[in-house]
C-alpha atoms as a PDB file:
ATOM      1  CA  MET A   1      18.687 -17.304  31.625  1.00  0.00           C
ATOM      2  CA  HIS A   2      15.729 -18.448  29.549  1.00  0.00           C
ATOM      3  CA  PRO A   3      16.864 -20.982  26.894  1.00  0.00           C
ATOM      4  CA  CYS A   4      15.485 -18.866  24.045  1.00  0.00           C
ATOM      5  CA  LEU A   5      17.279 -15.757  25.302  1.00  0.00           C
ATOM      6  CA  ASN A   6      20.406 -17.825  25.730  1.00  0.00           C
ATOM      7  CA  MET A   7      19.997 -18.824  22.083  1.00  0.00           C
ATOM      8  CA  ALA A   8      19.975 -15.151  21.074  1.00  0.00           C
ATOM      9  CA  LEU A   9      23.330 -14.746  22.818  1.00  0.00           C
ATOM     10  CA  ARG A  10      24.687 -17.889  21.155  1.00  0.00           C
ATOM     11  CA  VAL A  11      23.687 -16.599  17.728  1.00  0.00           C
ATOM     12  CA  MET A  12      25.978 -13.622  18.320  1.00  0.00           C
ATOM     13  CA  ILE A  13      28.995 -15.553  19.589  1.00  0.00           C
ATOM     14  CA  GLN A  14      28.574 -19.092  18.170  1.00  0.00           C
ATOM     15  CA  PRO A  15      26.345 -18.613  15.107  1.00  0.00           C
ATOM     16  CA  ASN A  16      27.055 -21.891  13.333  1.00  0.00           C
ATOM     17  CA  SER A  17      26.084 -24.174  16.214  1.00  0.00           C
ATOM     18  CA  ALA A  18      23.244 -21.855  17.209  1.00  0.00           C
ATOM     19  CA  PHE A  19      21.646 -21.886  13.766  1.00  0.00           C
ATOM     20  CA  THR A  20      22.023 -25.662  13.628  1.00  0.00           C
ATOM     21  CA  GLU A  21      20.101 -26.021  16.881  1.00  0.00           C
ATOM     22  CA  ILE A  22      17.434 -23.558  15.737  1.00  0.00           C
ATOM     23  CA  ARG A  23      17.033 -25.505  12.500  1.00  0.00           C
ATOM     24  CA  ASP A  24      16.675 -28.789  14.360  1.00  0.00           C
ATOM     25  CA  ASN A  25      14.311 -27.376  17.021  1.00  0.00           C
ATOM     26  CA  ASP A  26      12.270 -24.844  15.060  1.00  0.00           C
ATOM     27  CA  GLN A  27       9.049 -25.584  16.956  1.00  0.00           C
ATOM     28  CA  ARG A  28      10.749 -24.503  20.157  1.00  0.00           C
ATOM     29  CA  TYR A  29      12.342 -21.341  18.803  1.00  0.00           C
ATOM     30  CA  PHE A  30       9.956 -20.039  16.137  1.00  0.00           C
ATOM     31  CA  ALA A  31       7.791 -17.841  18.391  1.00  0.00           C
ATOM     32  CA  TRP A  32      10.861 -16.287  19.983  1.00  0.00           C
ATOM     33  CA  SER A  33      12.448 -15.744  16.589  1.00  0.00           C
ATOM     34  CA  VAL A  34       9.410 -13.692  15.550  1.00  0.00           C
ATOM     35  CA  GLY A  35       9.874 -11.534  18.644  1.00  0.00           C
ATOM     36  CA  ILE A  36      13.558 -11.019  17.841  1.00  0.00           C
ATOM     37  CA  TYR A  37      12.700 -10.005  14.278  1.00  0.00           C
ATOM     38  CA  VAL A  38      10.009  -7.493  15.280  1.00  0.00           C
ATOM     39  CA  LEU A  39      12.187  -6.042  18.047  1.00  0.00           C
ATOM     40  CA  GLY A  40      15.051  -5.641  15.589  1.00  0.00           C
ATOM     41  CA  ALA A  41      12.818  -3.736  13.164  1.00  0.00           C
ATOM     42  CA  VAL A  42      11.602  -1.405  15.923  1.00  0.00           C
ATOM     43  CA  LEU A  43      15.097  -0.711  17.266  1.00  0.00           C
ATOM     44  CA  TRP A  44      16.422  -0.028  13.771  1.00  0.00           C
ATOM     45  CA  ALA A  45      13.713   2.588  13.288  1.00  0.00           C
ATOM     46  CA  VAL A  46      14.332   4.212  16.671  1.00  0.00           C
ATOM     47  CA  ILE A  47      18.063   4.741  16.137  1.00  0.00           C
ATOM     48  CA  THR A  48      17.368   6.625  12.917  1.00  0.00           C
ATOM     49  CA  VAL A  49      15.233   9.220  14.733  1.00  0.00           C
ATOM     50  CA  PRO A  50      16.825  12.520  15.861  1.00  0.00           C
ATOM     51  CA  LEU A  51      16.189  12.486  19.605  1.00  0.00           C
ATOM     52  CA  ASP A  52      16.674  16.245  20.008  1.00  0.00           C
ATOM     53  CA  ASP A  53      13.417  17.035  18.146  1.00  0.00           C
ATOM     54  CA  PRO A  54      10.854  14.263  18.693  1.00  0.00           C
ATOM     55  CA  ALA A  55       7.962  16.559  17.721  1.00  0.00           C
ATOM     56  CA  SER A  56       9.270  17.261  14.227  1.00  0.00           C
ATOM     57  CA  GLY A  57       7.494  14.304  12.637  1.00  0.00           C
ATOM     58  CA  TYR A  58      10.443  11.920  12.687  1.00  0.00           C
ATOM     59  CA  TRP A  59       8.750   9.668  15.237  1.00  0.00           C
ATOM     60  CA  GLU A  60       5.873   9.246  12.806  1.00  0.00           C
ATOM     61  CA  ALA A  61       8.438   8.416  10.140  1.00  0.00           C
ATOM     62  CA  ALA A  62       9.971   5.841  12.484  1.00  0.00           C
ATOM     63  CA  VAL A  63       6.587   4.171  12.952  1.00  0.00           C
ATOM     64  CA  LEU A  64       6.073   4.131   9.185  1.00  0.00           C
ATOM     65  CA  SER A  65       9.567   2.708   8.726  1.00  0.00           C
ATOM     66  CA  THR A  66       8.763  -0.117  11.145  1.00  0.00           C
ATOM     67  CA  VAL A  67       5.403  -0.842   9.522  1.00  0.00           C
ATOM     68  CA  VAL A  68       7.034  -1.048   6.087  1.00  0.00           C
ATOM     69  CA  SER A  69      10.243  -2.851   7.075  1.00  0.00           C
ATOM     70  CA  ILE A  70       8.520  -5.802   8.768  1.00  0.00           C
ATOM     71  CA  PRO A  71       6.504  -7.004   5.724  1.00  0.00           C
ATOM     72  CA  SER A  72       9.363  -5.990   3.433  1.00  0.00           C
ATOM     73  CA  GLY A  73      11.707  -8.275   5.338  1.00  0.00           C
ATOM     74  CA  ILE A  74       9.165 -11.095   5.339  1.00  0.00           C
ATOM     75  CA  ILE A  75       8.892 -10.891   1.550  1.00  0.00           C
ATOM     76  CA  SER A  76      12.683 -10.967   1.263  1.00  0.00           C
ATOM     77  CA  ILE A  77      12.870 -14.026   3.532  1.00  0.00           C
ATOM     78  CA  SER A  78      10.049 -15.679   1.583  1.00  0.00           C
ATOM     79  CA  VAL A  79      12.053 -15.281  -1.627  1.00  0.00           C
ATOM     80  CA  ILE A  80      15.104 -16.728   0.124  1.00  0.00           C
ATOM     81  CA  TYR A  81      13.027 -19.698   1.262  1.00  0.00           C
ATOM     82  CA  LEU A  82      11.344 -20.343  -2.106  1.00  0.00           C
ATOM     83  CA  VAL A  83      14.523 -20.001  -4.161  1.00  0.00           C
ATOM     84  CA  GLY A  84      16.497 -22.027  -1.632  1.00  0.00           C
ATOM     85  CA  ARG A  85      13.936 -24.825  -1.694  1.00  0.00           C
ATOM     86  CA  ARG A  86      14.005 -24.780  -5.499  1.00  0.00           C
ATOM     87  CA  LEU A  87      17.780 -25.189  -5.396  1.00  0.00           C
ATOM     88  CA  GLY A  88      17.594 -28.183  -3.077  1.00  0.00           C
ATOM     89  CA  GLY A  89      17.591 -26.374   0.246  1.00  0.00           C
ATOM     90  CA  ASN A  90      15.386 -26.884   3.282  1.00  0.00           C
ATOM     91  CA  ALA A  91      11.717 -27.506   2.494  1.00  0.00           C
ATOM     92  CA  SER A  92      10.477 -26.371   5.918  1.00  0.00           C
ATOM     93  CA  TRP A  93       9.504 -22.700   5.882  1.00  0.00           C
ATOM     94  CA  ARG A  94       9.455 -22.572   9.674  1.00  0.00           C
ATOM     95  CA  LYS A  95      13.049 -23.761   9.952  1.00  0.00           C
ATOM     96  CA  VAL A  96      14.201 -21.168   7.417  1.00  0.00           C
ATOM     97  CA  PHE A  97      12.234 -18.312   8.957  1.00  0.00           C
ATOM     98  CA  SER A  98      13.299 -19.222  12.511  1.00  0.00           C
ATOM     99  CA  ALA A  99      16.995 -19.122  11.657  1.00  0.00           C
ATOM    100  CA  ILE A 100      16.783 -15.918   9.603  1.00  0.00           C
ATOM    101  CA  PHE A 101      14.601 -14.149  12.170  1.00  0.00           C
ATOM    102  CA  TYR A 102      17.161 -14.950  14.870  1.00  0.00           C
ATOM    103  CA  ALA A 103      19.920 -13.503  12.668  1.00  0.00           C
ATOM    104  CA  HIS A 104      18.366 -10.070  13.265  1.00  0.00           C
ATOM    105  CA  VAL A 105      19.486 -10.207  16.907  1.00  0.00           C
ATOM    106  CA  TYR A 106      22.471  -8.000  15.994  1.00  0.00           C
ATOM    107  CA  ALA A 107      20.110  -4.985  16.122  1.00  0.00           C
ATOM    108  CA  ILE A 108      19.921  -5.246  19.919  1.00  0.00           C
ATOM    109  CA  PRO A 109      23.620  -4.612  20.723  1.00  0.00           C
ATOM    110  CA  MET A 110      23.741  -2.083  17.868  1.00  0.00           C
ATOM    111  CA  PHE A 111      20.907  -0.139  19.505  1.00  0.00           C
ATOM    112  CA  VAL A 112      22.552  -0.268  22.937  1.00  0.00           C
ATOM    113  CA  VAL A 113      25.934   0.940  21.659  1.00  0.00           C
ATOM    114  CA  LEU A 114      24.553   3.731  19.467  1.00  0.00           C
ATOM    115  CA  MET A 115      22.164   4.962  22.157  1.00  0.00           C
ATOM    116  CA  ALA A 116      25.012   4.999  24.692  1.00  0.00           C
ATOM    117  CA  LEU A 117      26.884   7.312  22.328  1.00  0.00           C
ATOM    118  CA  MET A 118      23.945   9.443  21.205  1.00  0.00           C
ATOM    119  CA  LEU A 119      21.960  10.087  24.406  1.00  0.00           C
ATOM    120  CA  PRO A 120      24.681  12.113  26.202  1.00  0.00           C
ATOM    121  CA  THR A 121      24.858  14.429  23.170  1.00  0.00           C
ATOM    122  CA  VAL A 122      21.129  15.217  22.921  1.00  0.00           C
ATOM    123  CA  GLY A 123      20.780  18.991  22.663  1.00  0.00           C
ATOM    124  CA  LEU A 124      24.549  19.411  22.386  1.00  0.00           C
ATOM    125  CA  ILE A 125      25.406  17.915  18.997  1.00  0.00           C
ATOM    126  CA  PRO A 126      22.898  18.019  16.127  1.00  0.00           C
ATOM    127  CA  LEU A 127      21.913  14.490  15.163  1.00  0.00           C
ATOM    128  CA  TYR A 128      22.144  15.505  11.528  1.00  0.00           C
ATOM    129  CA  PRO A 129      25.430  17.312  10.749  1.00  0.00           C
ATOM    130  CA  LEU A 130      23.811  19.708   8.280  1.00  0.00           C
ATOM    131  CA  ASP A 131      21.419  20.918  11.010  1.00  0.00           C
ATOM    132  CA  GLY A 132      24.261  22.409  12.974  1.00  0.00           C
ATOM    133  CA  PRO A 133      26.176  25.633  12.357  1.00  0.00           C
ATOM    134  CA  GLY A 134      29.132  25.333  10.060  1.00  0.00           C
ATOM    135  CA  PRO A 135      31.771  27.752   8.846  1.00  0.00           C
ATOM    136  CA  ALA A 136      29.531  28.767   5.949  1.00  0.00           C
ATOM    137  CA  ASP A 137      26.719  29.824   8.317  1.00  0.00           C
ATOM    138  CA  VAL A 138      28.595  32.748   9.830  1.00  0.00           C
ATOM    139  CA  GLY A 139      30.301  35.783   8.411  1.00  0.00           C
ATOM    140  CA  ILE A 140      33.948  35.539   7.482  1.00  0.00           C
ATOM    141  CA  HIS A 141      34.838  37.873  10.342  1.00  0.00           C
ATOM    142  CA  GLU A 142      32.882  35.768  12.828  1.00  0.00           C
ATOM    143  CA  ILE A 143      34.721  32.505  12.173  1.00  0.00           C
ATOM    144  CA  THR A 144      36.718  31.566  15.241  1.00  0.00           C
ATOM    145  CA  SER A 145      38.794  28.592  16.213  1.00  0.00           C
ATOM    146  CA  GLU A 146      35.985  27.609  18.603  1.00  0.00           C
ATOM    147  CA  SER A 147      33.368  27.471  15.836  1.00  0.00           C
ATOM    148  CA  LEU A 148      35.699  25.517  13.566  1.00  0.00           C
ATOM    149  CA  ASN A 149      36.492  23.078  16.361  1.00  0.00           C
ATOM    150  CA  ALA A 150      32.790  22.646  17.131  1.00  0.00           C
ATOM    151  CA  PHE A 151      32.030  21.903  13.492  1.00  0.00           C
ATOM    152  CA  ARG A 152      34.924  19.446  13.353  1.00  0.00           C
ATOM    153  CA  ASP A 153      33.640  17.708  16.488  1.00  0.00           C
ATOM    154  CA  ILE A 154      30.181  17.317  14.928  1.00  0.00           C
ATOM    155  CA  ILE A 155      31.620  15.760  11.771  1.00  0.00           C
ATOM    156  CA  THR A 156      33.955  13.497  13.768  1.00  0.00           C
ATOM    157  CA  PHE A 157      31.081  12.357  15.973  1.00  0.00           C
ATOM    158  CA  TRP A 158      29.009  11.393  12.955  1.00  0.00           C
ATOM    159  CA  ILE A 159      31.889   9.661  11.230  1.00  0.00           C
ATOM    160  CA  VAL A 160      32.377   7.506  14.336  1.00  0.00           C
ATOM    161  CA  LEU A 161      28.654   6.695  14.513  1.00  0.00           C
ATOM    162  CA  THR A 162      28.593   5.808  10.820  1.00  0.00           C
ATOM    163  CA  ILE A 163      31.607   3.505  11.137  1.00  0.00           C
ATOM    164  CA  ILE A 164      30.036   1.736  14.121  1.00  0.00           C
ATOM    165  CA  MET A 165      26.696   1.336  12.339  1.00  0.00           C
ATOM    166  CA  VAL A 166      28.349  -0.007   9.183  1.00  0.00           C
ATOM    167  CA  ALA A 167      30.316  -2.500  11.295  1.00  0.00           C
ATOM    168  CA  PHE A 168      27.109  -3.765  12.912  1.00  0.00           C
ATOM    169  CA  VAL A 169      25.327  -3.990   9.548  1.00  0.00           C
ATOM    170  CA  ILE A 170      28.213  -6.046   8.144  1.00  0.00           C
ATOM    171  CA  TRP A 171      28.027  -8.276  11.209  1.00  0.00           C
ATOM    172  CA  GLY A 172      24.287  -8.674  10.626  1.00  0.00           C
ATOM    173  CA  LEU A 173      24.915  -9.649   7.007  1.00  0.00           C
ATOM    174  CA  VAL A 174      27.463 -12.241   8.121  1.00  0.00           C
ATOM    175  CA  LEU A 175      24.907 -13.707  10.547  1.00  0.00           C
ATOM    176  CA  LEU A 176      22.283 -13.774   7.793  1.00  0.00           C
ATOM    177  CA  VAL A 177      24.619 -15.596   5.401  1.00  0.00           C
ATOM    178  CA  LYS A 178      25.492 -18.125   8.108  1.00  0.00           C
ATOM    179  CA  ALA A 179      21.791 -18.661   8.839  1.00  0.00           C
ATOM    180  CA  VAL A 180      20.946 -19.319   5.180  1.00  0.00           C
ATOM    181  CA  LYS A 181      23.999 -21.558   4.768  1.00  0.00           C
ATOM    182  CA  THR A 182      23.246 -23.633   7.854  1.00  0.00           C
ATOM    183  CA  VAL A 183      19.528 -24.095   7.361  1.00  0.00           C
ATOM    184  CA  ASN A 184      19.873 -24.991   3.664  1.00  0.00           C
ATOM    185  CA  GLY A 185      23.270 -26.678   3.549  1.00  0.00           C
ATOM    186  CA  PHE A 186      24.505 -24.196   0.918  1.00  0.00           C
ATOM    187  CA  GLY A 187      27.919 -22.701   0.312  1.00  0.00           C
ATOM    188  CA  THR A 188      28.679 -19.065   1.090  1.00  0.00           C
ATOM    189  CA  ALA A 189      28.372 -17.813  -2.501  1.00  0.00           C
ATOM    190  CA  LYS A 190      24.994 -19.460  -3.091  1.00  0.00           C
ATOM    191  CA  ALA A 191      23.635 -18.236   0.251  1.00  0.00           C
ATOM    192  CA  PHE A 192      24.810 -14.687  -0.426  1.00  0.00           C
ATOM    193  CA  GLY A 193      23.355 -14.713  -3.940  1.00  0.00           C
ATOM    194  CA  ILE A 194      19.938 -15.808  -2.676  1.00  0.00           C
ATOM    195  CA  ILE A 195      20.010 -13.097  -0.014  1.00  0.00           C
ATOM    196  CA  VAL A 196      20.789 -10.444  -2.630  1.00  0.00           C
ATOM    197  CA  LEU A 197      17.952 -11.714  -4.824  1.00  0.00           C
ATOM    198  CA  GLY A 198      15.513 -11.593  -1.921  1.00  0.00           C
ATOM    199  CA  SER A 199      16.594  -8.051  -1.059  1.00  0.00           C
ATOM    200  CA  VAL A 200      16.199  -6.855  -4.649  1.00  0.00           C
ATOM    201  CA  VAL A 201      12.672  -8.276  -4.910  1.00  0.00           C
ATOM    202  CA  SER A 202      11.697  -6.661  -1.605  1.00  0.00           C
ATOM    203  CA  ILE A 203      13.148  -3.285  -2.618  1.00  0.00           C
ATOM    204  CA  VAL A 204      11.303  -3.314  -5.938  1.00  0.00           C
ATOM    205  CA  ILE A 205       7.986  -4.093  -4.239  1.00  0.00           C
ATOM    206  CA  PHE A 206       8.302  -1.589  -1.391  1.00  0.00           C
ATOM    207  CA  ALA A 207      10.200   1.230  -3.142  1.00  0.00           C
ATOM    208  CA  PRO A 208       7.010   3.311  -3.638  1.00  0.00           C
ATOM    209  CA  PHE A 209       6.421   3.343   0.140  1.00  0.00           C
ATOM    210  CA  SER A 210       9.854   4.836   0.844  1.00  0.00           C
ATOM    211  CA  ILE A 211       9.427   7.842  -1.431  1.00  0.00           C
END
């Protein structure tokens, strides 16, 4: 396995030592970290697209989401770097960006797991629950146990997907906190606070593009 791909795997299973090595060898890993970051942004956009109707304009929305999320994330990371440096953290922007970019590797297994669940259901289960028929869409005399069970299955399917996605997002946040902690030598609370600040600044700047 290529050393840089091996590093992506290490970030997922041994994040502390992985981020330490990335910090100490940023020249080696920076280019690959950029690739991980861009790939993560693309995969995040793809899994939010309803695959049963690709012509409905959602693919265009996915492209727009990717185009906006990449610079939005860079601004957030820039704030993390600038504030962290001000508070006595790492002065090397490349070290900070390399570690944080690699933290986005969680999007790859998230994409694989969600696609494995979603692809077999294309055309069978609406990818948005409200798009499917529910008890309120039929007459009271037409409601059957089959229609109720189908509606329940749709809701259950989406609850499971939501739980899995939330779990991956939490995992991604944990990786991000570890990256900021390791590269700057901060405690957990300080690292988390800087991340929140960076996210708020990015949201304020790019909010008009998400309307």
